[in-house]
Amino acid sequence: YLQMNSLVPEDTAVYYCKSYLGMAEYWGQGTLVTVSS
């Protein structure tokens, strides 16, 4: 999980999760976070 507090507009982005298993790396598909001012 990623608990995000005190969000600011600069935090607006697509957030991707990633994991490492041995030498392999895996990415999730991304989830959009939009912070309005």
ModelCIF file with pLDDT and N, C-alpha, C, O atoms, coordinates in Angstrom:
data_MODEL
#
_entry.id   MODEL 
#
_entity.id                         1 
_entity.type                       polymer 
_entity.pdbx_number_of_molecules   1 
#
_entity_poly.entity_id                      1 
_entity_poly.type                           'polypeptide(L)' 
_entity_poly.nstd_linkage                   no 
_entity_poly.nstd_monomer                   no 
_entity_poly.pdbx_seq_one_letter_code       YLQMNSLVPEDTAVYYCKSYLGMAEYWGQGTLVTVSS 
_entity_poly.pdbx_seq_one_letter_code_can   YLQMNSLVPEDTAVYYCKSYLGMAEYWGQGTLVTVSS 
_entity_poly.pdbx_strand_id                 A 
#
loop_
_entity_poly_seq.entity_id 
_entity_poly_seq.num 
_entity_poly_seq.mon_id 
_entity_poly_seq.hetero 
1 1  TYR n 
1 2  LEU n 
1 3  GLN n 
1 4  MET n 
1 5  ASN n 
1 6  SER n 
1 7  LEU n 
1 8  VAL n 
1 9  PRO n 
1 10 GLU n 
1 11 ASP n 
1 12 THR n 
1 13 ALA n 
1 14 VAL n 
1 15 TYR n 
1 16 TYR n 
1 17 CYS n 
1 18 LYS n 
1 19 SER n 
1 20 TYR n 
1 21 LEU n 
1 22 GLY n 
1 23 MET n 
1 24 ALA n 
1 25 GLU n 
1 26 TYR n 
1 27 TRP n 
1 28 GLY n 
1 29 GLN n 
1 30 GLY n 
1 31 THR n 
1 32 LEU n 
1 33 VAL n 
1 34 THR n 
1 35 VAL n 
1 36 SER n 
1 37 SER n 
#
_struct_asym.id          A 
_struct_asym.entity_id   1 
#
loop_
_ma_qa_metric.id 
_ma_qa_metric.mode 
_ma_qa_metric.name 
_ma_qa_metric.software_group_id 
_ma_qa_metric.type 
1 global pLDDT . pLDDT 
2 local  pLDDT . pLDDT 
#
_ma_qa_metric_global.metric_id      1 
_ma_qa_metric_global.metric_value   95.95 
_ma_qa_metric_global.model_id       1 
_ma_qa_metric_global.ordinal_id     1 
#
loop_
_ma_qa_metric_local.label_asym_id 
_ma_qa_metric_local.label_comp_id 
_ma_qa_metric_local.label_seq_id 
_ma_qa_metric_local.metric_id 
_ma_qa_metric_local.metric_value 
_ma_qa_metric_local.model_id 
_ma_qa_metric_local.ordinal_id 
A TYR 1  2 98.00 1 1  
A LEU 2  2 98.00 1 2  
A GLN 3  2 98.00 1 3  
A MET 4  2 98.00 1 4  
A ASN 5  2 98.00 1 5  
A SER 6  2 98.00 1 6  
A LEU 7  2 98.00 1 7  
A VAL 8  2 98.00 1 8  
A PRO 9  2 97.00 1 9  
A GLU 10 2 97.00 1 10 
A ASP 11 2 98.00 1 11 
A THR 12 2 98.00 1 12 
A ALA 13 2 98.00 1 13 
A VAL 14 2 98.00 1 14 
A TYR 15 2 98.00 1 15 
A TYR 16 2 98.00 1 16 
A CYS 17 2 97.00 1 17 
A LYS 18 2 97.00 1 18 
A SER 19 2 95.00 1 19 
A TYR 20 2 93.00 1 20 
A LEU 21 2 89.00 1 21 
A GLY 22 2 86.00 1 22 
A MET 23 2 89.00 1 23 
A ALA 24 2 92.00 1 24 
A GLU 25 2 94.00 1 25 
A TYR 26 2 94.00 1 26 
A TRP 27 2 96.00 1 27 
A GLY 28 2 95.00 1 28 
A GLN 29 2 93.00 1 29 
A GLY 30 2 94.00 1 30 
A THR 31 2 97.00 1 31 
A LEU 32 2 98.00 1 32 
A VAL 33 2 98.00 1 33 
A THR 34 2 98.00 1 34 
A VAL 35 2 98.00 1 35 
A SER 36 2 97.00 1 36 
A SER 37 2 94.00 1 37 
#
loop_
_atom_site.group_PDB 
_atom_site.id 
_atom_site.type_symbol 
_atom_site.label_atom_id 
_atom_site.label_alt_id 
_atom_site.label_comp_id 
_atom_site.label_asym_id 
_atom_site.label_entity_id 
_atom_site.label_seq_id 
_atom_site.pdbx_PDB_ins_code 
_atom_site.Cartn_x 
_atom_site.Cartn_y 
_atom_site.Cartn_z 
_atom_site.occupancy 
_atom_site.B_iso_or_equiv 
_atom_site.pdbx_formal_charge 
_atom_site.auth_seq_id 
_atom_site.auth_comp_id 
_atom_site.auth_asym_id 
_atom_site.auth_atom_id 
_atom_site.pdbx_PDB_model_num 
ATOM 1   N N  . TYR A 1 1  ? 0.821  -1.194  0.000   1.00 98.00 ? 1  TYR A N  1 
ATOM 2   C CA . TYR A 1 1  ? 0.000  0.000   0.000   1.00 98.00 ? 1  TYR A CA 1 
ATOM 3   C C  . TYR A 1 1  ? 0.863  1.256   0.000   1.00 98.00 ? 1  TYR A C  1 
ATOM 4   O O  . TYR A 1 1  ? 2.041  1.232   0.356   1.00 98.00 ? 1  TYR A O  1 
ATOM 5   N N  . LEU A 1 2  ? 0.242  2.342   -0.407  1.00 98.00 ? 2  LEU A N  1 
ATOM 6   C CA . LEU A 1 2  ? 0.873  3.655   -0.302  1.00 98.00 ? 2  LEU A CA 1 
ATOM 7   C C  . LEU A 1 2  ? -0.159 4.614   0.263   1.00 98.00 ? 2  LEU A C  1 
ATOM 8   O O  . LEU A 1 2  ? -1.099 5.009   -0.427  1.00 98.00 ? 2  LEU A O  1 
ATOM 9   N N  . GLN A 1 3  ? 0.023  4.981   1.512   1.00 98.00 ? 3  GLN A N  1 
ATOM 10  C CA . GLN A 1 3  ? -0.838 5.978   2.132   1.00 98.00 ? 3  GLN A CA 1 
ATOM 11  C C  . GLN A 1 3  ? -0.259 7.349   1.830   1.00 98.00 ? 3  GLN A C  1 
ATOM 12  O O  . GLN A 1 3  ? 0.884  7.645   2.181   1.00 98.00 ? 3  GLN A O  1 
ATOM 13  N N  . MET A 1 4  ? -1.051 8.174   1.181   1.00 98.00 ? 4  MET A N  1 
ATOM 14  C CA . MET A 1 4  ? -0.582 9.494   0.759   1.00 98.00 ? 4  MET A CA 1 
ATOM 15  C C  . MET A 1 4  ? -1.385 10.560  1.486   1.00 98.00 ? 4  MET A C  1 
ATOM 16  O O  . MET A 1 4  ? -2.599 10.660  1.309   1.00 98.00 ? 4  MET A O  1 
ATOM 17  N N  . ASN A 1 5  ? -0.717 11.345  2.291   1.00 98.00 ? 5  ASN A N  1 
ATOM 18  C CA . ASN A 1 5  ? -1.345 12.423  3.045   1.00 98.00 ? 5  ASN A CA 1 
ATOM 19  C C  . ASN A 1 5  ? -0.799 13.771  2.606   1.00 98.00 ? 5  ASN A C  1 
ATOM 20  O O  . ASN A 1 5  ? 0.241  13.851  1.951   1.00 98.00 ? 5  ASN A O  1 
ATOM 21  N N  . SER A 1 6  ? -1.498 14.809  2.967   1.00 98.00 ? 6  SER A N  1 
ATOM 22  C CA . SER A 1 6  ? -1.064 16.182  2.647   1.00 98.00 ? 6  SER A CA 1 
ATOM 23  C C  . SER A 1 6  ? -0.696 16.319  1.178   1.00 98.00 ? 6  SER A C  1 
ATOM 24  O O  . SER A 1 6  ? 0.352  16.864  0.831   1.00 98.00 ? 6  SER A O  1 
ATOM 25  N N  . LEU A 1 7  ? -1.564 15.820  0.335   1.00 98.00 ? 7  LEU A N  1 
ATOM 26  C CA . LEU A 1 7  ? -1.279 15.834  -1.097  1.00 98.00 ? 7  LEU A CA 1 
ATOM 27  C C  . LEU A 1 7  ? -1.227 17.254  -1.644  1.00 98.00 ? 7  LEU A C  1 
ATOM 28  O O  . LEU A 1 7  ? -1.968 18.134  -1.205  1.00 98.00 ? 7  LEU A O  1 
ATOM 29  N N  . VAL A 1 8  ? -0.349 17.457  -2.597  1.00 98.00 ? 8  VAL A N  1 
ATOM 30  C CA . VAL A 1 8  ? -0.187 18.741  -3.276  1.00 98.00 ? 8  VAL A CA 1 
ATOM 31  C C  . VAL A 1 8  ? -0.323 18.501  -4.778  1.00 98.00 ? 8  VAL A C  1 
ATOM 32  O O  . VAL A 1 8  ? -0.151 17.377  -5.250  1.00 98.00 ? 8  VAL A O  1 
ATOM 33  N N  . PRO A 1 9  ? -0.635 19.567  -5.531  1.00 97.00 ? 9  PRO A N  1 
ATOM 34  C CA . PRO A 1 9  ? -0.818 19.389  -6.974  1.00 97.00 ? 9  PRO A CA 1 
ATOM 35  C C  . PRO A 1 9  ? 0.391  18.727  -7.659  1.00 97.00 ? 9  PRO A C  1 
ATOM 36  O O  . PRO A 1 9  ? 0.236  18.030  -8.662  1.00 97.00 ? 9  PRO A O  1 
ATOM 37  N N  . GLU A 1 10 ? 1.572  18.948  -7.118  1.00 97.00 ? 10 GLU A N  1 
ATOM 38  C CA . GLU A 1 10 ? 2.779  18.347  -7.706  1.00 97.00 ? 10 GLU A CA 1 
ATOM 39  C C  . GLU A 1 10 ? 2.820  16.825  -7.568  1.00 97.00 ? 10 GLU A C  1 
ATOM 40  O O  . GLU A 1 10 ? 3.659  16.166  -8.183  1.00 97.00 ? 10 GLU A O  1 
ATOM 41  N N  . ASP A 1 11 ? 1.926  16.276  -6.773  1.00 98.00 ? 11 ASP A N  1 
ATOM 42  C CA . ASP A 1 11 ? 1.830  14.820  -6.638  1.00 98.00 ? 11 ASP A CA 1 
ATOM 43  C C  . ASP A 1 11 ? 0.999  14.202  -7.764  1.00 98.00 ? 11 ASP A C  1 
ATOM 44  O O  . ASP A 1 11 ? 0.911  12.979  -7.869  1.00 98.00 ? 11 ASP A O  1 
ATOM 45  N N  . THR A 1 12 ? 0.402  15.027  -8.589  1.00 98.00 ? 12 THR A N  1 
ATOM 46  C CA . THR A 1 12 ? -0.387 14.520  -9.700  1.00 98.00 ? 12 THR A CA 1 
ATOM 47  C C  . THR A 1 12 ? 0.491  13.726  -10.653 1.00 98.00 ? 12 THR A C  1 
ATOM 48  O O  . THR A 1 12 ? 1.496  14.227  -11.156 1.00 98.00 ? 12 THR A O  1 
ATOM 49  N N  . ALA A 1 13 ? 0.096  12.475  -10.894 1.00 98.00 ? 13 ALA A N  1 
ATOM 50  C CA . ALA A 1 13 ? 0.895  11.583  -11.726 1.00 98.00 ? 13 ALA A CA 1 
ATOM 51  C C  . ALA A 1 13 ? 0.167  10.252  -11.867 1.00 98.00 ? 13 ALA A C  1 
ATOM 52  O O  . ALA A 1 13 ? -0.823 9.985   -11.185 1.00 98.00 ? 13 ALA A O  1 
ATOM 53  N N  . VAL A 1 14 ? 0.678  9.438   -12.759 1.00 98.00 ? 14 VAL A N  1 
ATOM 54  C CA . VAL A 1 14 ? 0.277  8.032   -12.788 1.00 98.00 ? 14 VAL A CA 1 
ATOM 55  C C  . VAL A 1 14 ? 1.224  7.287   -11.863 1.00 98.00 ? 14 VAL A C  1 
ATOM 56  O O  . VAL A 1 14 ? 2.445  7.373   -11.998 1.00 98.00 ? 14 VAL A O  1 
ATOM 57  N N  . TYR A 1 15 ? 0.651  6.567   -10.936 1.00 98.00 ? 15 TYR A N  1 
ATOM 58  C CA . TYR A 1 15 ? 1.426  5.821   -9.957  1.00 98.00 ? 15 TYR A CA 1 
ATOM 59  C C  . TYR A 1 15 ? 1.479  4.355   -10.362 1.00 98.00 ? 15 TYR A C  1 
ATOM 60  O O  . TYR A 1 15 ? 0.456  3.734   -10.651 1.00 98.00 ? 15 TYR A O  1 
ATOM 61  N N  . TYR A 1 16 ? 2.683  3.821   -10.376 1.00 98.00 ? 16 TYR A N  1 
ATOM 62  C CA . TYR A 1 16 ? 2.907  2.439   -10.769 1.00 98.00 ? 16 TYR A CA 1 
ATOM 63  C C  . TYR A 1 16 ? 3.480  1.660   -9.596  1.00 98.00 ? 16 TYR A C  1 
ATOM 64  O O  . TYR A 1 16 ? 4.358  2.149   -8.885  1.00 98.00 ? 16 TYR A O  1 
ATOM 65  N N  . CYS A 1 17 ? 2.987  0.459   -9.399  1.00 97.00 ? 17 CYS A N  1 
ATOM 66  C CA . CYS A 1 17 ? 3.625  -0.394  -8.424  1.00 97.00 ? 17 CYS A CA 1 
ATOM 67  C C  . CYS A 1 17 ? 4.616  -1.305  -9.144  1.00 97.00 ? 17 CYS A C  1 
ATOM 68  O O  . CYS A 1 17 ? 4.486  -1.600  -10.332 1.00 97.00 ? 17 CYS A O  1 
ATOM 69  N N  . LYS A 1 18 ? 5.598  -1.728  -8.380  1.00 97.00 ? 18 LYS A N  1 
ATOM 70  C CA . LYS A 1 18 ? 6.691  -2.518  -8.948  1.00 97.00 ? 18 LYS A CA 1 
ATOM 71  C C  . LYS A 1 18 ? 7.155  -3.504  -7.904  1.00 97.00 ? 18 LYS A C  1 
ATOM 72  O O  . LYS A 1 18 ? 7.100  -3.227  -6.706  1.00 97.00 ? 18 LYS A O  1 
ATOM 73  N N  . SER A 1 19 ? 7.617  -4.664  -8.360  1.00 95.00 ? 19 SER A N  1 
ATOM 74  C CA . SER A 1 19 ? 8.170  -5.641  -7.440  1.00 95.00 ? 19 SER A CA 1 
ATOM 75  C C  . SER A 1 19 ? 9.378  -6.301  -8.072  1.00 95.00 ? 19 SER A C  1 
ATOM 76  O O  . SER A 1 19 ? 9.533  -6.338  -9.292  1.00 95.00 ? 19 SER A O  1 
ATOM 77  N N  . TYR A 1 20 ? 10.232 -6.821  -7.198  1.00 93.00 ? 20 TYR A N  1 
ATOM 78  C CA . TYR A 1 20 ? 11.443 -7.490  -7.622  1.00 93.00 ? 20 TYR A CA 1 
ATOM 79  C C  . TYR A 1 20 ? 11.393 -8.929  -7.099  1.00 93.00 ? 20 TYR A C  1 
ATOM 80  O O  . TYR A 1 20 ? 11.121 -9.179  -5.924  1.00 93.00 ? 20 TYR A O  1 
ATOM 81  N N  . LEU A 1 21 ? 11.661 -9.852  -8.002  1.00 89.00 ? 21 LEU A N  1 
ATOM 82  C CA . LEU A 1 21 ? 11.690 -11.269 -7.643  1.00 89.00 ? 21 LEU A CA 1 
ATOM 83  C C  . LEU A 1 21 ? 12.947 -11.846 -8.270  1.00 89.00 ? 21 LEU A C  1 
ATOM 84  O O  . LEU A 1 21 ? 12.988 -12.118 -9.470  1.00 89.00 ? 21 LEU A O  1 
ATOM 85  N N  . GLY A 1 22 ? 13.971 -12.028 -7.445  1.00 86.00 ? 22 GLY A N  1 
ATOM 86  C CA . GLY A 1 22 ? 15.259 -12.424 -7.987  1.00 86.00 ? 22 GLY A CA 1 
ATOM 87  C C  . GLY A 1 22 ? 15.775 -11.346 -8.928  1.00 86.00 ? 22 GLY A C  1 
ATOM 88  O O  . GLY A 1 22 ? 15.891 -10.184 -8.537  1.00 86.00 ? 22 GLY A O  1 
ATOM 89  N N  . MET A 1 23 ? 16.081 -11.716 -10.147 1.00 89.00 ? 23 MET A N  1 
ATOM 90  C CA . MET A 1 23 ? 16.560 -10.763 -11.146 1.00 89.00 ? 23 MET A CA 1 
ATOM 91  C C  . MET A 1 23 ? 15.411 -10.172 -11.958 1.00 89.00 ? 23 MET A C  1 
ATOM 92  O O  . MET A 1 23 ? 15.629 -9.296  -12.794 1.00 89.00 ? 23 MET A O  1 
ATOM 93  N N  . ALA A 1 24 ? 14.203 -10.640 -11.719 1.00 92.00 ? 24 ALA A N  1 
ATOM 94  C CA . ALA A 1 24 ? 13.057 -10.178 -12.500 1.00 92.00 ? 24 ALA A CA 1 
ATOM 95  C C  . ALA A 1 24 ? 12.389 -8.983  -11.842 1.00 92.00 ? 24 ALA A C  1 
ATOM 96  O O  . ALA A 1 24 ? 12.376 -8.849  -10.618 1.00 92.00 ? 24 ALA A O  1 
ATOM 97  N N  . GLU A 1 25 ? 11.832 -8.117  -12.685 1.00 94.00 ? 25 GLU A N  1 
ATOM 98  C CA . GLU A 1 25 ? 11.090 -6.953  -12.220 1.00 94.00 ? 25 GLU A CA 1 
ATOM 99  C C  . GLU A 1 25 ? 9.697  -6.991  -12.836 1.00 94.00 ? 25 GLU A C  1 
ATOM 100 O O  . GLU A 1 25 ? 9.526  -7.372  -13.994 1.00 94.00 ? 25 GLU A O  1 
ATOM 101 N N  . TYR A 1 26 ? 8.719  -6.595  -12.055 1.00 94.00 ? 26 TYR A N  1 
ATOM 102 C CA . TYR A 1 26 ? 7.344  -6.604  -12.524 1.00 94.00 ? 26 TYR A CA 1 
ATOM 103 C C  . TYR A 1 26 ? 6.712  -5.245  -12.260 1.00 94.00 ? 26 TYR A C  1 
ATOM 104 O O  . TYR A 1 26 ? 6.941  -4.630  -11.218 1.00 94.00 ? 26 TYR A O  1 
ATOM 105 N N  . TRP A 1 27 ? 5.911  -4.783  -13.221 1.00 96.00 ? 27 TRP A N  1 
ATOM 106 C CA . TRP A 1 27 ? 5.227  -3.505  -13.096 1.00 96.00 ? 27 TRP A CA 1 
ATOM 107 C C  . TRP A 1 27 ? 3.715  -3.709  -13.138 1.00 96.00 ? 27 TRP A C  1 
ATOM 108 O O  . TRP A 1 27 ? 3.210  -4.567  -13.863 1.00 96.00 ? 27 TRP A O  1 
ATOM 109 N N  . GLY A 1 28 ? 3.008  -2.911  -12.354 1.00 95.00 ? 28 GLY A N  1 
ATOM 110 C CA . GLY A 1 28 ? 1.568  -2.851  -12.470 1.00 95.00 ? 28 GLY A CA 1 
ATOM 111 C C  . GLY A 1 28 ? 1.178  -1.902  -13.584 1.00 95.00 ? 28 GLY A C  1 
ATOM 112 O O  . GLY A 1 28 ? 2.039  -1.288  -14.213 1.00 95.00 ? 28 GLY A O  1 
ATOM 113 N N  . GLN A 1 29 ? -0.112 -1.782  -13.828 1.00 93.00 ? 29 GLN A N  1 
ATOM 114 C CA . GLN A 1 29 ? -0.582 -1.015  -14.975 1.00 93.00 ? 29 GLN A CA 1 
ATOM 115 C C  . GLN A 1 29 ? -0.689 0.479   -14.710 1.00 93.00 ? 29 GLN A C  1 
ATOM 116 O O  . GLN A 1 29 ? -0.883 1.246   -15.653 1.00 93.00 ? 29 GLN A O  1 
ATOM 117 N N  . GLY A 1 30 ? -0.572 0.912   -13.486 1.00 94.00 ? 30 GLY A N  1 
ATOM 118 C CA . GLY A 1 30 ? -0.646 2.331   -13.161 1.00 94.00 ? 30 GLY A CA 1 
ATOM 119 C C  . GLY A 1 30 ? -2.035 2.763   -12.755 1.00 94.00 ? 30 GLY A C  1 
ATOM 120 O O  . GLY A 1 30 ? -3.037 2.263   -13.268 1.00 94.00 ? 30 GLY A O  1 
ATOM 121 N N  . THR A 1 31 ? -2.080 3.693   -11.832 1.00 97.00 ? 31 THR A N  1 
ATOM 122 C CA . THR A 1 31 ? -3.341 4.291   -11.402 1.00 97.00 ? 31 THR A CA 1 
ATOM 123 C C  . THR A 1 31 ? -3.135 5.803   -11.292 1.00 97.00 ? 31 THR A C  1 
ATOM 124 O O  . THR A 1 31 ? -2.144 6.266   -10.729 1.00 97.00 ? 31 THR A O  1 
ATOM 125 N N  . LEU A 1 32 ? -4.078 6.556   -11.836 1.00 98.00 ? 32 LEU A N  1 
ATOM 126 C CA . LEU A 1 32 ? -3.922 8.009   -11.934 1.00 98.00 ? 32 LEU A CA 1 
ATOM 127 C C  . LEU A 1 32 ? -4.349 8.693   -10.642 1.00 98.00 ? 32 LEU A C  1 
ATOM 128 O O  . LEU A 1 32 ? -5.432 8.445   -10.112 1.00 98.00 ? 32 LEU A O  1 
ATOM 129 N N  . VAL A 1 33 ? -3.483 9.545   -10.157 1.00 98.00 ? 33 VAL A N  1 
ATOM 130 C CA . VAL A 1 33 ? -3.780 10.396  -9.006  1.00 98.00 ? 33 VAL A CA 1 
ATOM 131 C C  . VAL A 1 33 ? -3.754 11.842  -9.481  1.00 98.00 ? 33 VAL A C  1 
ATOM 132 O O  . VAL A 1 33 ? -2.760 12.302  -10.043 1.00 98.00 ? 33 VAL A O  1 
ATOM 133 N N  . THR A 1 34 ? -4.844 12.548  -9.255  1.00 98.00 ? 34 THR A N  1 
ATOM 134 C CA . THR A 1 34 ? -4.934 13.950  -9.640  1.00 98.00 ? 34 THR A CA 1 
ATOM 135 C C  . THR A 1 34 ? -5.248 14.770  -8.399  1.00 98.00 ? 34 THR A C  1 
ATOM 136 O O  . THR A 1 34 ? -6.239 14.525  -7.711  1.00 98.00 ? 34 THR A O  1 
ATOM 137 N N  . VAL A 1 35 ? -4.399 15.737  -8.126  1.00 98.00 ? 35 VAL A N  1 
ATOM 138 C CA . VAL A 1 35 ? -4.580 16.598  -6.961  1.00 98.00 ? 35 VAL A CA 1 
ATOM 139 C C  . VAL A 1 35 ? -4.923 17.998  -7.457  1.00 98.00 ? 35 VAL A C  1 
ATOM 140 O O  . VAL A 1 35 ? -4.131 18.630  -8.156  1.00 98.00 ? 35 VAL A O  1 
ATOM 141 N N  . SER A 1 36 ? -6.089 18.469  -7.094  1.00 97.00 ? 36 SER A N  1 
ATOM 142 C CA . SER A 1 36 ? -6.522 19.799  -7.529  1.00 97.00 ? 36 SER A CA 1 
ATOM 143 C C  . SER A 1 36 ? -6.153 20.843  -6.489  1.00 97.00 ? 36 SER A C  1 
ATOM 144 O O  . SER A 1 36 ? -6.121 20.569  -5.290  1.00 97.00 ? 36 SER A O  1 
ATOM 145 N N  . SER A 1 37 ? -5.877 22.038  -6.972  1.00 94.00 ? 37 SER A N  1 
ATOM 146 C CA . SER A 1 37 ? -5.482 23.116  -6.056  1.00 94.00 ? 37 SER A CA 1 
ATOM 147 C C  . SER A 1 37 ? -6.692 23.891  -5.559  1.00 94.00 ? 37 SER A C  1 
ATOM 148 O O  . SER A 1 37 ? -6.544 24.832  -4.779  1.00 94.00 ? 37 SER A O  1 
#
